[in-house]
PDB file of N, CA and C in Angstrom:
ATOM      1  N   MET A   1      16.294 167.108 -39.390  1.00  0.00           N
ATOM      2  CA  MET A   1      17.323 166.727 -40.316  1.00  0.00           C
ATOM      3  C   MET A   1      18.614 166.618 -39.479  1.00  0.00           C
ATOM      4  N   PRO A   2      19.343 165.430 -39.498  1.00  0.00           N
ATOM      5  CA  PRO A   2      20.586 165.342 -38.836  1.00  0.00           C
ATOM      6  C   PRO A   2      21.697 166.134 -39.524  1.00  0.00           C
ATOM      7  N   ILE A   3      22.533 166.776 -38.661  1.00  0.00           N
ATOM      8  CA  ILE A   3      23.655 167.621 -39.111  1.00  0.00           C
ATOM      9  C   ILE A   3      24.830 167.224 -38.304  1.00  0.00           C
ATOM     10  N   VAL A   4      25.975 167.127 -38.981  1.00  0.00           N
ATOM     11  CA  VAL A   4      27.201 166.814 -38.201  1.00  0.00           C
ATOM     12  C   VAL A   4      28.429 167.564 -38.870  1.00  0.00           C
ATOM     13  N   ALA A   5      29.332 168.000 -38.070  1.00  0.00           N
ATOM     14  CA  ALA A   5      30.565 168.606 -38.601  1.00  0.00           C
ATOM     15  C   ALA A   5      31.765 168.032 -37.790  1.00  0.00           C
ATOM     16  N   ILE A   6      32.856 167.784 -38.549  1.00  0.00           N
ATOM     17  CA  ILE A   6      34.059 167.295 -37.864  1.00  0.00           C
ATOM     18  C   ILE A   6      35.254 168.071 -38.393  1.00  0.00           C
ATOM     19  N   GLY A   7      36.303 168.156 -37.599  1.00  0.00           N
ATOM     20  CA  GLY A   7      37.506 168.762 -38.056  1.00  0.00           C
ATOM     21  C   GLY A   7      37.377 170.224 -38.273  1.00  0.00           C
ATOM     22  N   THR A   8      38.100 170.765 -39.262  1.00  0.00           N
ATOM     23  CA  THR A   8      38.138 172.181 -39.556  1.00  0.00           C
ATOM     24  C   THR A   8      37.748 172.436 -41.049  1.00  0.00           C
ATOM     25  N   THR A   9      37.324 173.654 -41.293  1.00  0.00           N
ATOM     26  CA  THR A   9      37.063 174.106 -42.646  1.00  0.00           C
ATOM     27  C   THR A   9      38.027 175.216 -43.026  1.00  0.00           C
ATOM     28  N   GLU A  10      39.067 175.484 -42.235  1.00  0.00           N
ATOM     29  CA  GLU A  10      40.007 176.574 -42.489  1.00  0.00           C
ATOM     30  C   GLU A  10      41.125 176.141 -43.431  1.00  0.00           C
ATOM     31  N   ALA A  11      41.357 176.960 -44.429  1.00  0.00           N
ATOM     32  CA  ALA A  11      42.482 176.802 -45.376  1.00  0.00           C
ATOM     33  C   ALA A  11      42.588 175.437 -46.120  1.00  0.00           C
ATOM     34  N   PRO A  12      41.500 174.996 -46.701  1.00  0.00           N
ATOM     35  CA  PRO A  12      41.567 173.777 -47.480  1.00  0.00           C
ATOM     36  C   PRO A  12      42.197 174.022 -48.816  1.00  0.00           C
ATOM     37  N   ASP A  13      42.861 172.980 -49.379  1.00  0.00           N
ATOM     38  CA  ASP A  13      43.304 173.020 -50.741  1.00  0.00           C
ATOM     39  C   ASP A  13      42.177 172.749 -51.758  1.00  0.00           C
ATOM     40  N   GLU A  14      41.263 171.933 -51.227  1.00  0.00           N
ATOM     41  CA  GLU A  14      40.133 171.530 -52.125  1.00  0.00           C
ATOM     42  C   GLU A  14      38.941 171.232 -51.272  1.00  0.00           C
ATOM     43  N   ILE A  15      37.772 171.540 -51.855  1.00  0.00           N
ATOM     44  CA  ILE A  15      36.502 171.218 -51.228  1.00  0.00           C
ATOM     45  C   ILE A  15      35.711 170.361 -52.161  1.00  0.00           C
ATOM     46  N   LEU A  16      35.276 169.222 -51.666  1.00  0.00           N
ATOM     47  CA  LEU A  16      34.410 168.309 -52.495  1.00  0.00           C
ATOM     48  C   LEU A  16      32.990 168.431 -51.994  1.00  0.00           C
ATOM     49  N   ARG A  17      32.004 168.536 -52.849  1.00  0.00           N
ATOM     50  CA  ARG A  17      30.653 168.725 -52.381  1.00  0.00           C
ATOM     51  C   ARG A  17      29.706 167.808 -53.219  1.00  0.00           C
ATOM     52  N   TRP A  18      28.694 167.354 -52.521  1.00  0.00           N
ATOM     53  CA  TRP A  18      27.607 166.586 -53.133  1.00  0.00           C
ATOM     54  C   TRP A  18      26.327 167.081 -52.498  1.00  0.00           C
ATOM     55  N   GLN A  19      25.325 167.302 -53.320  1.00  0.00           N
ATOM     56  CA  GLN A  19      24.064 167.866 -52.821  1.00  0.00           C
ATOM     57  C   GLN A  19      22.925 167.179 -53.642  1.00  0.00           C
ATOM     58  N   TYR A  20      21.889 166.709 -52.920  1.00  0.00           N
ATOM     59  CA  TYR A  20      20.748 166.129 -53.589  1.00  0.00           C
ATOM     60  C   TYR A  20      19.566 166.078 -52.625  1.00  0.00           C
ATOM     61  N   ASN A  21      18.455 166.559 -53.024  1.00  0.00           N
ATOM     62  CA  ASN A  21      17.205 166.434 -52.285  1.00  0.00           C
ATOM     63  C   ASN A  21      17.328 166.919 -50.862  1.00  0.00           C
ATOM     64  N   GLY A  22      18.041 167.960 -50.628  1.00  0.00           N
ATOM     65  CA  GLY A  22      18.176 168.444 -49.283  1.00  0.00           C
ATOM     66  C   GLY A  22      19.364 167.939 -48.464  1.00  0.00           C
ATOM     67  N   ALA A  23      19.946 166.843 -48.960  1.00  0.00           N
ATOM     68  CA  ALA A  23      21.147 166.279 -48.275  1.00  0.00           C
ATOM     69  C   ALA A  23      22.371 166.974 -48.879  1.00  0.00           C
ATOM     70  N   VAL A  24      23.351 167.230 -47.956  1.00  0.00           N
ATOM     71  CA  VAL A  24      24.571 167.880 -48.439  1.00  0.00           C
ATOM     72  C   VAL A  24      25.784 167.149 -47.743  1.00  0.00           C
ATOM     73  N   ARG A  25      26.853 166.976 -48.551  1.00  0.00           N
ATOM     74  CA  ARG A  25      28.161 166.519 -48.007  1.00  0.00           C
ATOM     75  C   ARG A  25      29.207 167.431 -48.497  1.00  0.00           C
ATOM     76  N   SER A  26      30.027 167.973 -47.595  1.00  0.00           N
ATOM     77  CA  SER A  26      31.184 168.751 -47.983  1.00  0.00           C
ATOM     78  C   SER A  26      32.334 168.175 -47.277  1.00  0.00           C
ATOM     79  N   VAL A  27      33.423 167.893 -47.989  1.00  0.00           N
ATOM     80  CA  VAL A  27      34.626 167.340 -47.394  1.00  0.00           C
ATOM     81  C   VAL A  27      35.779 168.304 -47.708  1.00  0.00           C
ATOM     82  N   TYR A  28      36.532 168.672 -46.811  1.00  0.00           N
ATOM     83  CA  TYR A  28      37.620 169.635 -46.884  1.00  0.00           C
ATOM     84  C   TYR A  28      38.949 168.884 -46.859  1.00  0.00           C
ATOM     85  N   LEU A  29      39.729 169.157 -47.894  1.00  0.00           N
ATOM     86  CA  LEU A  29      41.045 168.447 -48.093  1.00  0.00           C
ATOM     87  C   LEU A  29      42.188 169.435 -48.000  1.00  0.00           C
ATOM     88  N   ARG A  30      43.310 168.927 -47.475  1.00  0.00           N
ATOM     89  CA  ARG A  30      44.525 169.643 -47.533  1.00  0.00           C
ATOM     90  C   ARG A  30      45.613 168.660 -47.737  1.00  0.00           C
ATOM     91  N   GLY A  31      46.357 168.838 -48.774  1.00  0.00           N
ATOM     92  CA  GLY A  31      47.499 167.887 -49.110  1.00  0.00           C
ATOM     93  C   GLY A  31      47.026 166.431 -49.326  1.00  0.00           C
ATOM     94  N   GLY A  32      45.813 166.306 -49.836  1.00  0.00           N
ATOM     95  CA  GLY A  32      45.300 164.961 -50.102  1.00  0.00           C
ATOM     96  C   GLY A  32      44.669 164.254 -48.945  1.00  0.00           C
ATOM     97  N   THR A  33      44.602 164.933 -47.744  1.00  0.00           N
ATOM     98  CA  THR A  33      44.035 164.284 -46.571  1.00  0.00           C
ATOM     99  C   THR A  33      42.798 165.066 -46.139  1.00  0.00           C
ATOM    100  N   ILE A  34      41.882 164.457 -45.483  1.00  0.00           N
ATOM    101  CA  ILE A  34      40.672 165.088 -44.986  1.00  0.00           C
ATOM    102  C   ILE A  34      41.065 165.861 -43.737  1.00  0.00           C
ATOM    103  N   ILE A  35      40.671 167.176 -43.759  1.00  0.00           N
ATOM    104  CA  ILE A  35      40.856 168.038 -42.596  1.00  0.00           C
ATOM    105  C   ILE A  35      39.533 168.353 -41.895  1.00  0.00           C
ATOM    106  N   GLY A  36      38.436 168.098 -42.619  1.00  0.00           N
ATOM    107  CA  GLY A  36      37.087 168.395 -42.021  1.00  0.00           C
ATOM    108  C   GLY A  36      36.006 167.980 -42.997  1.00  0.00           C
ATOM    109  N   ALA A  37      34.801 167.913 -42.408  1.00  0.00           N
ATOM    110  CA  ALA A  37      33.623 167.510 -43.225  1.00  0.00           C
ATOM    111  C   ALA A  37      32.402 168.096 -42.542  1.00  0.00           C
ATOM    112  N   GLN A  38      31.415 168.413 -43.390  1.00  0.00           N
ATOM    113  CA  GLN A  38      30.098 168.819 -42.912  1.00  0.00           C
ATOM    114  C   GLN A  38      29.092 168.026 -43.697  1.00  0.00           C
ATOM    115  N   LEU A  39      28.132 167.443 -42.943  1.00  0.00           N
ATOM    116  CA  LEU A  39      27.128 166.592 -43.558  1.00  0.00           C
ATOM    117  C   LEU A  39      25.726 167.001 -43.005  1.00  0.00           C
ATOM    118  N   ALA A  40      24.751 167.006 -43.888  1.00  0.00           N
ATOM    119  CA  ALA A  40      23.391 167.270 -43.478  1.00  0.00           C
ATOM    120  C   ALA A  40      22.495 166.354 -44.183  1.00  0.00           C
ATOM    121  N   GLY A  41      21.496 165.798 -43.511  1.00  0.00           N
ATOM    122  CA  GLY A  41      20.570 164.815 -44.111  1.00  0.00           C
ATOM    123  C   GLY A  41      21.228 163.418 -43.981  1.00  0.00           C
ATOM    124  N   ASP A  42      21.875 162.975 -45.021  1.00  0.00           N
ATOM    125  CA  ASP A  42      22.517 161.640 -45.007  1.00  0.00           C
ATOM    126  C   ASP A  42      23.866 161.767 -44.364  1.00  0.00           C
ATOM    127  N   ILE A  43      23.997 161.364 -43.140  1.00  0.00           N
ATOM    128  CA  ILE A  43      25.264 161.434 -42.366  1.00  0.00           C
ATOM    129  C   ILE A  43      26.009 160.141 -42.197  1.00  0.00           C
ATOM    130  N   HIS A  44      25.590 159.104 -42.970  1.00  0.00           N
ATOM    131  CA  HIS A  44      26.140 157.769 -42.745  1.00  0.00           C
ATOM    132  C   HIS A  44      27.669 157.684 -42.944  1.00  0.00           C
ATOM    133  N   ALA A  45      28.238 158.505 -43.730  1.00  0.00           N
ATOM    134  CA  ALA A  45      29.655 158.409 -44.041  1.00  0.00           C
ATOM    135  C   ALA A  45      30.572 159.108 -43.013  1.00  0.00           C
ATOM    136  N   VAL A  46      29.977 159.782 -41.982  1.00  0.00           N
ATOM    137  CA  VAL A  46      30.766 160.579 -41.065  1.00  0.00           C
ATOM    138  C   VAL A  46      31.832 159.779 -40.315  1.00  0.00           C
ATOM    139  N   GLY A  47      31.528 158.539 -39.983  1.00  0.00           N
ATOM    140  CA  GLY A  47      32.440 157.733 -39.257  1.00  0.00           C
ATOM    141  C   GLY A  47      33.675 157.316 -40.093  1.00  0.00           C
ATOM    142  N   VAL A  48      33.406 157.091 -41.390  1.00  0.00           N
ATOM    143  CA  VAL A  48      34.510 156.775 -42.356  1.00  0.00           C
ATOM    144  C   VAL A  48      35.402 158.010 -42.504  1.00  0.00           C
ATOM    145  N   TYR A  49      34.747 159.187 -42.668  1.00  0.00           N
ATOM    146  CA  TYR A  49      35.521 160.461 -42.858  1.00  0.00           C
ATOM    147  C   TYR A  49      36.328 160.690 -41.649  1.00  0.00           C
ATOM    148  N   ARG A  50      35.745 160.510 -40.416  1.00  0.00           N
ATOM    149  CA  ARG A  50      36.514 160.786 -39.227  1.00  0.00           C
ATOM    150  C   ARG A  50      37.684 159.865 -39.059  1.00  0.00           C
ATOM    151  N   SER A  51      37.496 158.604 -39.355  1.00  0.00           N
ATOM    152  CA  SER A  51      38.611 157.651 -39.347  1.00  0.00           C
ATOM    153  C   SER A  51      39.717 157.993 -40.291  1.00  0.00           C
ATOM    154  N   LEU A  52      39.354 158.323 -41.506  1.00  0.00           N
ATOM    155  CA  LEU A  52      40.357 158.669 -42.521  1.00  0.00           C
ATOM    156  C   LEU A  52      41.041 159.974 -42.107  1.00  0.00           C
ATOM    157  N   MET A  53      40.302 160.911 -41.488  1.00  0.00           N
ATOM    158  CA  MET A  53      40.922 162.181 -41.077  1.00  0.00           C
ATOM    159  C   MET A  53      41.869 161.918 -39.894  1.00  0.00           C
ATOM    160  N   LEU A  54      41.545 161.108 -38.904  1.00  0.00           N
ATOM    161  CA  LEU A  54      42.429 160.799 -37.802  1.00  0.00           C
ATOM    162  C   LEU A  54      43.628 160.063 -38.215  1.00  0.00           C
ATOM    163  N   GLN A  55      43.515 159.216 -39.210  1.00  0.00           N
ATOM    164  CA  GLN A  55      44.681 158.414 -39.719  1.00  0.00           C
ATOM    165  C   GLN A  55      45.595 159.283 -40.666  1.00  0.00           C
ATOM    166  N   ARG A  56      45.062 160.428 -40.999  1.00  0.00           N
ATOM    167  CA  ARG A  56      45.693 161.297 -41.978  1.00  0.00           C
ATOM    168  C   ARG A  56      45.973 160.517 -43.267  1.00  0.00           C
ATOM    169  N   ALA A  57      45.004 159.683 -43.671  1.00  0.00           N
ATOM    170  CA  ALA A  57      45.114 158.859 -44.839  1.00  0.00           C
ATOM    171  C   ALA A  57      45.040 159.732 -46.115  1.00  0.00           C
ATOM    172  N   ASP A  58      45.854 159.350 -47.143  1.00  0.00           N
ATOM    173  CA  ASP A  58      45.791 160.012 -48.406  1.00  0.00           C
ATOM    174  C   ASP A  58      44.570 159.532 -49.139  1.00  0.00           C
ATOM    175  N   VAL A  59      43.582 160.409 -49.398  1.00  0.00           N
ATOM    176  CA  VAL A  59      42.289 160.073 -50.004  1.00  0.00           C
ATOM    177  C   VAL A  59      42.282 160.588 -51.427  1.00  0.00           C
ATOM    178  N   SER A  60      43.330 161.086 -51.944  1.00  0.00           N
ATOM    179  CA  SER A  60      43.295 161.725 -53.315  1.00  0.00           C
ATOM    180  C   SER A  60      42.872 160.724 -54.378  1.00  0.00           C
ATOM    181  N   ALA A  61      43.186 159.440 -54.197  1.00  0.00           N
ATOM    182  CA  ALA A  61      42.771 158.489 -55.217  1.00  0.00           C
ATOM    183  C   ALA A  61      41.234 158.288 -55.327  1.00  0.00           C
ATOM    184  N   TYR A  62      40.530 158.712 -54.325  1.00  0.00           N
ATOM    185  CA  TYR A  62      39.049 158.604 -54.414  1.00  0.00           C
ATOM    186  C   TYR A  62      38.401 159.658 -55.218  1.00  0.00           C
ATOM    187  N   GLY A  63      39.019 160.804 -55.292  1.00  0.00           N
ATOM    188  CA  GLY A  63      38.469 161.899 -56.062  1.00  0.00           C
ATOM    189  C   GLY A  63      37.069 162.292 -55.512  1.00  0.00           C
ATOM    190  N   SER A  64      36.162 162.622 -56.475  1.00  0.00           N
ATOM    191  CA  SER A  64      34.814 163.035 -56.121  1.00  0.00           C
ATOM    192  C   SER A  64      33.996 161.866 -55.559  1.00  0.00           C
ATOM    193  N   ARG A  65      34.498 160.632 -55.790  1.00  0.00           N
ATOM    194  CA  ARG A  65      33.767 159.487 -55.239  1.00  0.00           C
ATOM    195  C   ARG A  65      33.644 159.550 -53.735  1.00  0.00           C
ATOM    196  N   LEU A  66      34.524 160.333 -53.127  1.00  0.00           N
ATOM    197  CA  LEU A  66      34.572 160.442 -51.636  1.00  0.00           C
ATOM    198  C   LEU A  66      33.233 160.981 -51.090  1.00  0.00           C
ATOM    199  N   VAL A  67      32.540 161.851 -51.830  1.00  0.00           N
ATOM    200  CA  VAL A  67      31.292 162.436 -51.363  1.00  0.00           C
ATOM    201  C   VAL A  67      30.025 161.856 -52.005  1.00  0.00           C
ATOM    202  N   GLU A  68      30.224 160.905 -52.816  1.00  0.00           N
ATOM    203  CA  GLU A  68      29.002 160.258 -53.438  1.00  0.00           C
ATOM    204  C   GLU A  68      28.237 159.450 -52.414  1.00  0.00           C
ATOM    205  N   PRO A  69      26.937 159.310 -52.609  1.00  0.00           N
ATOM    206  CA  PRO A  69      26.181 158.445 -51.729  1.00  0.00           C
ATOM    207  C   PRO A  69      26.676 156.981 -51.824  1.00  0.00           C
ATOM    208  N   GLY A  70      26.678 156.327 -50.808  1.00  0.00           N
ATOM    209  CA  GLY A  70      27.113 154.882 -50.787  1.00  0.00           C
ATOM    210  C   GLY A  70      28.596 154.789 -50.465  1.00  0.00           C
ATOM    211  N   PHE A  71      29.424 155.864 -50.532  1.00  0.00           N
ATOM    212  CA  PHE A  71      30.831 155.757 -50.233  1.00  0.00           C
ATOM    213  C   PHE A  71      30.941 155.363 -48.783  1.00  0.00           C
ATOM    214  N   GLY A  72      31.826 154.389 -48.457  1.00  0.00           N
ATOM    215  CA  GLY A  72      31.977 153.957 -47.124  1.00  0.00           C
ATOM    216  C   GLY A  72      33.151 153.042 -46.942  1.00  0.00           C
ATOM    217  N   VAL A  73      33.095 152.259 -45.881  1.00  0.00           N
ATOM    218  CA  VAL A  73      34.223 151.373 -45.522  1.00  0.00           C
ATOM    219  C   VAL A  73      34.350 150.298 -46.583  1.00  0.00           C
ATOM    220  N   GLY A  74      33.315 149.923 -47.275  1.00  0.00           N
ATOM    221  CA  GLY A  74      33.480 148.911 -48.326  1.00  0.00           C
ATOM    222  C   GLY A  74      34.362 149.412 -49.466  1.00  0.00           C
ATOM    223  N   ASP A  75      34.326 150.656 -49.822  1.00  0.00           N
ATOM    224  CA  ASP A  75      35.231 151.249 -50.855  1.00  0.00           C
ATOM    225  C   ASP A  75      36.688 151.166 -50.393  1.00  0.00           C
ATOM    226  N   ILE A  76      36.868 151.499 -49.154  1.00  0.00           N
ATOM    227  CA  ILE A  76      38.253 151.456 -48.626  1.00  0.00           C
ATOM    228  C   ILE A  76      38.784 150.059 -48.589  1.00  0.00           C
ATOM    229  N   THR A  77      37.958 149.146 -48.153  1.00  0.00           N
ATOM    230  CA  THR A  77      38.384 147.718 -48.015  1.00  0.00           C
ATOM    231  C   THR A  77      38.689 147.202 -49.446  1.00  0.00           C
ATOM    232  N   TRP A  78      37.781 147.487 -50.335  1.00  0.00           N
ATOM    233  CA  TRP A  78      37.960 146.979 -51.726  1.00  0.00           C
ATOM    234  C   TRP A  78      39.275 147.443 -52.350  1.00  0.00           C
ATOM    235  N   ASP A  79      39.533 148.787 -52.156  1.00  0.00           N
ATOM    236  CA  ASP A  79      40.798 149.384 -52.730  1.00  0.00           C
ATOM    237  C   ASP A  79      41.963 148.768 -52.043  1.00  0.00           C
ATOM    238  N   ALA A  80      41.936 148.505 -50.698  1.00  0.00           N
ATOM    239  CA  ALA A  80      43.044 147.960 -50.004  1.00  0.00           C
ATOM    240  C   ALA A  80      43.332 146.494 -50.484  1.00  0.00           C
ATOM    241  N   LEU A  81      42.285 145.754 -50.714  1.00  0.00           N
ATOM    242  CA  LEU A  81      42.405 144.385 -51.214  1.00  0.00           C
ATOM    243  C   LEU A  81      43.028 144.411 -52.642  1.00  0.00           C
ATOM    244  N   ARG A  82      42.574 145.326 -53.451  1.00  0.00           N
ATOM    245  CA  ARG A  82      43.174 145.413 -54.815  1.00  0.00           C
ATOM    246  C   ARG A  82      44.613 145.798 -54.805  1.00  0.00           C
ATOM    247  N   ALA A  83      45.105 146.478 -53.759  1.00  0.00           N
ATOM    248  CA  ALA A  83      46.461 146.928 -53.680  1.00  0.00           C
ATOM    249  C   ALA A  83      47.430 145.834 -53.150  1.00  0.00           C
ATOM    250  N   VAL A  84      46.904 144.706 -52.625  1.00  0.00           N
ATOM    251  CA  VAL A  84      47.721 143.617 -52.141  1.00  0.00           C
ATOM    252  C   VAL A  84      48.209 142.780 -53.329  1.00  0.00           C
ATOM    253  N   PRO A  85      49.503 142.657 -53.373  1.00  0.00           N
ATOM    254  CA  PRO A  85      50.032 141.803 -54.525  1.00  0.00           C
ATOM    255  C   PRO A  85      49.591 140.404 -54.416  1.00  0.00           C
ATOM    256  N   VAL A  86      49.239 139.841 -55.525  1.00  0.00           N
ATOM    257  CA  VAL A  86      48.790 138.430 -55.553  1.00  0.00           C
ATOM    258  C   VAL A  86      49.980 137.550 -55.920  1.00  0.00           C
ATOM    259  N   SER A  87      50.258 136.558 -55.079  1.00  0.00           N
ATOM    260  CA  SER A  87      51.387 135.676 -55.324  1.00  0.00           C
ATOM    261  C   SER A  87      50.941 134.557 -56.284  1.00  0.00           C
ATOM    262  N   THR A  88      51.749 134.310 -57.264  1.00  0.00           N
ATOM    263  CA  THR A  88      51.474 133.158 -58.125  1.00  0.00           C
ATOM    264  C   THR A  88      52.252 131.912 -57.821  1.00  0.00           C
ATOM    265  N   ASN A  89      53.048 132.050 -56.772  1.00  0.00           N
ATOM    266  CA  ASN A  89      53.840 130.863 -56.250  1.00  0.00           C
ATOM    267  C   ASN A  89      52.929 129.972 -55.427  1.00  0.00           C
ATOM    268  N   GLN A  90      53.037 128.714 -55.625  1.00  0.00           N
ATOM    269  CA  GLN A  90      52.112 127.836 -54.831  1.00  0.00           C
ATOM    270  C   GLN A  90      52.967 126.745 -54.215  1.00  0.00           C
TER     271      GLN A  90
END
């Protein structure tokens, strides 16, 4: 079973967890940013977590969706596109 840990687990404000069928995701947040994560089994999201952690990106808008299966760069891209104002001037 693949296991990976990034960042720290010390003094989080919040811990988000998802567990199913032996796979576990724990994401540690402080001030709305990721400070660490531990994944076992399904580790596909680790690159996204690491990138968000290094950017000190505010992930509070994602809530528990952050640890759900399938969360990834597509979610971030979609949310970024929705945040771009659409011009009605032509």
